Amino acid sequence: MKKLILNPERCKGCSLCIKVCPDKVLEYDTAGFNAHGCHPVKWKGSCRLCGMCYLICPDYVFEIRDEATLER
């Protein structure tokens, strides 16, 4: 089974992933800042793993992995 992993510390706040998400489940986390001084992206709903955010993100914030490899 596949899993989408989000690394908020890599986010620079470009909003490309938010704009391209077909289900509109991404938003900025305005509760804090990351190492870049940005409000990082976060999920606000259930992701269906379409991969659009993964494909468009220039900063490699998203990873799609097999859950079996996460346990190693």
Protein backbone atom coordinates (compact mmCIF):
# COMPACT_ATOMS: atom_id res chain seq x y z
CA MET A 1 0.00 0.00 0.00
CA LYS A 2 1.27 3.47 -0.86
CA LYS A 3 1.55 6.38 1.56
CA LEU A 4 2.12 10.08 0.95
CA ILE A 5 4.62 11.66 3.32
CA LEU A 6 4.78 15.40 3.86
CA ASN A 7 7.98 17.12 5.08
CA PRO A 8 6.88 20.60 6.19
CA GLU A 9 10.46 21.74 6.86
CA ARG A 10 11.18 21.72 3.12
CA CYS A 11 8.18 23.90 2.24
CA LYS A 12 8.93 27.42 0.95
CA GLY A 13 5.29 28.47 0.66
CA CYS A 14 4.99 28.62 -3.13
CA SER A 15 1.36 27.29 -3.00
CA LEU A 16 1.71 25.24 -6.19
CA CYS A 17 0.56 22.09 -4.41
CA ILE A 18 -2.44 23.86 -2.90
CA LYS A 19 -3.50 25.14 -6.33
CA VAL A 20 -3.08 21.81 -8.12
CA CYS A 21 -4.76 19.55 -5.54
CA PRO A 22 -7.99 18.28 -7.15
CA ASP A 23 -9.59 17.53 -3.77
CA LYS A 24 -8.47 20.79 -2.11
CA VAL A 25 -7.10 18.97 0.96
CA LEU A 26 -3.97 21.11 1.37
CA GLU A 27 -3.64 24.45 3.15
CA TYR A 28 -1.03 26.51 4.98
CA ASP A 29 -0.38 25.72 8.63
CA THR A 30 -0.68 29.21 10.07
CA ALA A 31 0.00 27.97 13.60
CA GLY A 32 3.76 28.12 13.12
CA PHE A 33 6.76 28.61 10.86
CA ASN A 34 9.32 26.19 9.45
CA ALA A 35 13.10 26.62 9.04
CA HIS A 36 12.54 28.81 5.96
CA GLY A 37 10.34 31.20 7.93
CA CYS A 38 7.24 30.11 6.01
CA HIS A 39 3.90 28.75 7.03
CA PRO A 40 4.30 25.18 5.72
CA VAL A 41 1.65 23.24 3.91
CA LYS A 42 -0.51 20.70 5.79
CA TRP A 43 -3.43 18.39 5.10
CA LYS A 44 -6.91 19.50 6.03
CA GLY A 45 -8.65 16.40 4.75
CA SER A 46 -8.22 12.90 3.43
CA CYS A 47 -5.72 12.41 0.59
CA ARG A 48 -6.52 9.97 -2.23
CA LEU A 49 -2.87 9.75 -3.38
CA CYS A 50 -3.34 11.23 -6.85
CA GLY A 51 0.28 12.46 -6.71
CA MET A 52 -0.31 15.92 -8.17
CA CYS A 53 1.38 17.66 -5.22
CA TYR A 54 4.33 15.28 -5.51
CA LEU A 55 4.73 16.02 -9.21
CA ILE A 56 4.50 19.81 -9.01
CA CYS A 57 6.47 20.55 -5.83
CA PRO A 58 9.90 22.07 -6.66
CA ASP A 59 11.17 21.54 -3.10
CA TYR A 60 10.48 17.81 -2.65
CA VAL A 61 8.05 18.37 0.23
CA PHE A 62 6.09 15.24 -0.72
CA GLU A 63 7.19 11.61 -1.03
CA ILE A 64 5.17 8.63 -2.14
CA ARG A 65 6.41 5.43 -0.52
CA ASP A 66 5.36 1.88 -0.06
CA GLU A 67 4.33 1.40 3.59
CA ALA A 68 6.53 -1.73 3.80
CA THR A 69 9.67 0.39 3.23
CA LEU A 70 8.69 2.82 6.00
CA GLU A 71 9.08 0.14 8.67
CA ARG A 72 12.78 -0.47 7.93
